[in-house]
N, C-alpha and C. Protein backbone atom coordinates (compact mmCIF):
# COMPACT_ATOMS: atom_id res chain seq x y z
N UNK A 1 9.88 -0.66 -8.49
CA UNK A 1 10.04 -1.56 -7.36
C UNK A 1 9.90 -2.99 -7.88
N UNK A 2 10.73 -3.88 -7.37
CA UNK A 2 10.66 -5.26 -7.82
C UNK A 2 9.42 -5.94 -7.25
N UNK A 3 9.03 -7.03 -7.88
CA UNK A 3 7.88 -7.81 -7.40
C UNK A 3 8.15 -8.28 -5.98
N UNK A 4 9.36 -8.76 -5.73
CA UNK A 4 9.71 -9.29 -4.41
C UNK A 4 9.63 -8.22 -3.33
N UNK A 5 10.21 -7.04 -3.60
CA UNK A 5 10.17 -5.94 -2.62
C UNK A 5 8.73 -5.50 -2.36
N UNK A 6 7.96 -5.36 -3.43
CA UNK A 6 6.57 -4.95 -3.29
C UNK A 6 5.81 -5.95 -2.43
N UNK A 7 5.91 -7.21 -2.78
CA UNK A 7 5.18 -8.25 -2.06
C UNK A 7 5.61 -8.32 -0.59
N UNK A 8 6.90 -8.28 -0.33
CA UNK A 8 7.41 -8.35 1.05
C UNK A 8 6.91 -7.19 1.89
N UNK A 9 6.99 -5.98 1.36
CA UNK A 9 6.55 -4.80 2.11
C UNK A 9 5.05 -4.81 2.35
N UNK A 10 4.28 -5.10 1.33
CA UNK A 10 2.82 -5.08 1.46
C UNK A 10 2.35 -6.15 2.45
N UNK A 11 2.92 -7.33 2.37
CA UNK A 11 2.54 -8.39 3.32
C UNK A 11 2.87 -7.96 4.74
N UNK A 12 4.08 -7.46 4.95
CA UNK A 12 4.49 -7.04 6.30
C UNK A 12 3.59 -5.94 6.85
N UNK A 13 3.26 -4.97 6.02
CA UNK A 13 2.47 -3.83 6.49
C UNK A 13 0.99 -4.17 6.69
N UNK A 14 0.42 -5.01 5.84
CA UNK A 14 -1.00 -5.33 5.99
C UNK A 14 -1.25 -6.37 7.08
N UNK A 15 -0.24 -7.18 7.39
CA UNK A 15 -0.44 -8.23 8.39
C UNK A 15 0.03 -7.87 9.79
N UNK A 16 0.68 -6.73 9.98
CA UNK A 16 1.14 -6.41 11.33
C UNK A 16 -0.04 -6.08 12.23
N UNK A 17 0.12 -6.44 13.49
CA UNK A 17 -0.93 -6.21 14.49
C UNK A 17 -0.34 -5.50 15.69
N UNK A 18 -0.88 -4.40 16.12
CA UNK A 18 -2.07 -3.80 15.51
C UNK A 18 -1.72 -3.18 14.16
N UNK A 19 -2.71 -3.10 13.31
CA UNK A 19 -2.53 -2.51 11.99
C UNK A 19 -2.26 -1.02 12.12
N UNK A 20 -1.35 -0.49 11.29
CA UNK A 20 -1.07 0.94 11.20
C UNK A 20 -1.20 1.36 9.74
N UNK A 21 -1.85 2.49 9.46
CA UNK A 21 -1.98 2.95 8.08
C UNK A 21 -0.61 3.16 7.42
N UNK A 22 -0.59 3.03 6.11
CA UNK A 22 0.61 3.33 5.34
C UNK A 22 0.18 3.90 3.99
N UNK A 23 1.13 4.48 3.28
CA UNK A 23 0.83 5.14 2.01
C UNK A 23 1.66 4.53 0.89
N UNK A 24 1.01 4.28 -0.22
CA UNK A 24 1.69 3.82 -1.42
C UNK A 24 1.73 5.00 -2.39
N UNK A 25 2.95 5.35 -2.82
CA UNK A 25 3.11 6.43 -3.79
C UNK A 25 3.55 5.85 -5.12
N UNK A 26 2.83 6.23 -6.18
CA UNK A 26 3.15 5.75 -7.52
C UNK A 26 4.14 6.69 -8.20
N UNK A 27 4.72 6.22 -9.28
CA UNK A 27 5.72 7.00 -10.00
C UNK A 27 5.16 8.30 -10.58
N UNK A 28 3.84 8.37 -10.79
CA UNK A 28 3.23 9.59 -11.31
C UNK A 28 2.83 10.57 -10.20
N UNK A 29 3.17 10.22 -8.93
CA UNK A 29 2.87 11.10 -7.80
C UNK A 29 1.56 10.78 -7.11
N UNK A 30 0.75 9.94 -7.68
CA UNK A 30 -0.53 9.56 -7.06
C UNK A 30 -0.24 8.77 -5.79
N UNK A 31 -1.04 9.04 -4.74
CA UNK A 31 -0.85 8.36 -3.46
C UNK A 31 -2.14 7.70 -3.00
N UNK A 32 -1.98 6.54 -2.38
CA UNK A 32 -3.12 5.83 -1.79
C UNK A 32 -2.81 5.61 -0.32
N UNK A 33 -3.69 6.09 0.57
CA UNK A 33 -3.52 5.82 1.99
C UNK A 33 -4.25 4.52 2.31
N UNK A 34 -3.50 3.55 2.74
CA UNK A 34 -4.05 2.25 3.10
C UNK A 34 -4.40 2.33 4.58
N UNK A 35 -5.69 2.58 4.87
CA UNK A 35 -6.12 2.82 6.24
C UNK A 35 -6.78 1.61 6.89
N UNK A 36 -6.83 0.51 6.15
CA UNK A 36 -7.40 -0.74 6.66
C UNK A 36 -6.77 -1.87 5.85
N UNK A 37 -6.44 -2.99 6.48
CA UNK A 37 -5.74 -4.05 5.74
C UNK A 37 -6.56 -4.68 4.61
N UNK A 38 -7.86 -4.53 4.62
CA UNK A 38 -8.68 -5.17 3.59
C UNK A 38 -9.02 -4.28 2.40
N UNK A 39 -8.47 -3.06 2.33
CA UNK A 39 -8.74 -2.20 1.17
C UNK A 39 -7.74 -2.45 0.05
N UNK A 40 -6.79 -3.34 0.28
CA UNK A 40 -5.77 -3.64 -0.71
C UNK A 40 -5.73 -5.14 -0.97
N UNK A 41 -5.90 -5.51 -2.23
CA UNK A 41 -5.74 -6.90 -2.64
C UNK A 41 -4.52 -6.96 -3.55
N UNK A 42 -3.68 -7.97 -3.38
CA UNK A 42 -2.44 -8.02 -4.14
C UNK A 42 -2.03 -9.46 -4.41
N UNK A 43 -1.32 -9.61 -5.54
CA UNK A 43 -0.77 -10.92 -5.89
C UNK A 43 0.19 -10.75 -7.06
N UNK A 44 1.34 -11.35 -6.93
CA UNK A 44 2.34 -11.36 -8.01
C UNK A 44 2.65 -9.97 -8.57
N UNK A 45 2.72 -8.97 -7.69
CA UNK A 45 3.10 -7.64 -8.12
C UNK A 45 1.97 -6.78 -8.65
N UNK A 46 0.77 -7.29 -8.67
CA UNK A 46 -0.40 -6.53 -9.11
C UNK A 46 -1.29 -6.28 -7.90
N UNK A 47 -1.83 -5.06 -7.80
CA UNK A 47 -2.67 -4.72 -6.65
C UNK A 47 -3.92 -3.98 -7.09
N UNK A 48 -4.94 -4.11 -6.28
CA UNK A 48 -6.17 -3.34 -6.42
C UNK A 48 -6.42 -2.64 -5.10
N UNK A 49 -6.60 -1.33 -5.17
CA UNK A 49 -6.90 -0.53 -4.00
C UNK A 49 -8.35 -0.10 -4.10
N UNK A 50 -9.12 -0.33 -3.05
CA UNK A 50 -10.52 0.08 -3.03
C UNK A 50 -10.62 1.38 -2.24
N UNK A 51 -10.76 2.49 -2.94
CA UNK A 51 -10.80 3.82 -2.35
C UNK A 51 -12.18 4.11 -1.77
N UNK A 52 -12.27 5.16 -0.94
CA UNK A 52 -13.58 5.56 -0.43
C UNK A 52 -14.57 5.74 -1.58
N UNK A 53 -15.80 5.37 -1.36
CA UNK A 53 -16.81 5.42 -2.41
C UNK A 53 -16.77 4.17 -3.28
N UNK A 54 -16.00 3.16 -2.83
CA UNK A 54 -15.87 1.89 -3.54
C UNK A 54 -15.30 2.06 -4.94
N UNK A 55 -14.35 2.97 -5.10
CA UNK A 55 -13.71 3.21 -6.39
C UNK A 55 -12.43 2.37 -6.45
N UNK A 56 -12.34 1.45 -7.41
CA UNK A 56 -11.15 0.60 -7.50
C UNK A 56 -10.04 1.26 -8.33
N UNK A 57 -8.81 1.08 -7.90
CA UNK A 57 -7.63 1.51 -8.64
C UNK A 57 -6.70 0.31 -8.76
N UNK A 58 -6.27 0.02 -9.98
CA UNK A 58 -5.35 -1.08 -10.23
C UNK A 58 -3.98 -0.50 -10.53
N UNK A 59 -2.95 -1.13 -10.00
CA UNK A 59 -1.58 -0.73 -10.30
C UNK A 59 -0.67 -1.94 -10.09
N UNK A 60 0.51 -1.87 -10.71
CA UNK A 60 1.45 -2.97 -10.54
C UNK A 60 2.72 -2.47 -9.87
N UNK A 61 3.58 -3.39 -9.51
CA UNK A 61 4.80 -3.08 -8.77
C UNK A 61 5.70 -2.10 -9.51
N UNK A 62 5.68 -2.09 -10.83
CA UNK A 62 6.54 -1.19 -11.60
C UNK A 62 6.13 0.27 -11.45
N UNK A 63 4.88 0.53 -11.10
CA UNK A 63 4.40 1.90 -10.93
C UNK A 63 4.59 2.41 -9.49
N UNK A 64 5.04 1.55 -8.57
CA UNK A 64 5.22 1.95 -7.18
C UNK A 64 6.57 2.62 -7.03
N UNK A 65 6.54 3.87 -6.58
CA UNK A 65 7.76 4.61 -6.32
C UNK A 65 8.28 4.31 -4.93
N UNK A 66 7.39 4.37 -3.94
CA UNK A 66 7.77 4.12 -2.55
C UNK A 66 6.56 3.72 -1.73
N UNK A 67 6.82 3.07 -0.63
CA UNK A 67 5.78 2.74 0.34
C UNK A 67 6.20 3.37 1.66
N UNK A 68 5.35 4.25 2.18
CA UNK A 68 5.67 5.02 3.37
C UNK A 68 4.86 4.55 4.55
N UNK A 69 5.53 4.24 5.64
CA UNK A 69 4.82 3.91 6.87
C UNK A 69 4.29 5.21 7.48
N UNK A 70 3.09 5.15 8.05
CA UNK A 70 2.49 6.32 8.70
C UNK A 70 3.20 6.58 10.01
N UNK A 71 3.81 7.74 10.13
CA UNK A 71 4.51 8.08 11.35
C UNK A 71 3.75 9.12 12.18
N UNK A 72 2.57 9.49 11.74
CA UNK A 72 1.81 10.54 12.42
C UNK A 72 1.41 10.14 13.84
N UNK A 73 1.20 8.85 14.08
CA UNK A 73 0.74 8.40 15.38
C UNK A 73 1.83 7.78 16.23
N UNK A 74 3.09 7.92 15.83
CA UNK A 74 4.17 7.35 16.62
C UNK A 74 4.72 8.38 17.59
N UNK A 75 5.23 7.90 18.70
CA UNK A 75 5.79 8.82 19.70
C UNK A 75 7.11 9.38 19.23
N UNK A 76 7.36 10.61 19.61
CA UNK A 76 8.62 11.28 19.21
C UNK A 76 9.78 10.79 20.05
């Protein structure tokens, strides 16, 4: 994923109100559920995700395969 695409998507998803969870999937299959806008810090294509238990994970835009919006709570 390009730096621009990553930054645009992450900004849009973390700043929307009301906030809705979303998932970041990495190229190795690892997934992070972003369930609060403050668990993800990002800048210039680099991000830090603070997982439950205060475990930090660092990744960059090149490792992002896709960003999925949570559709579990949307009406059919």
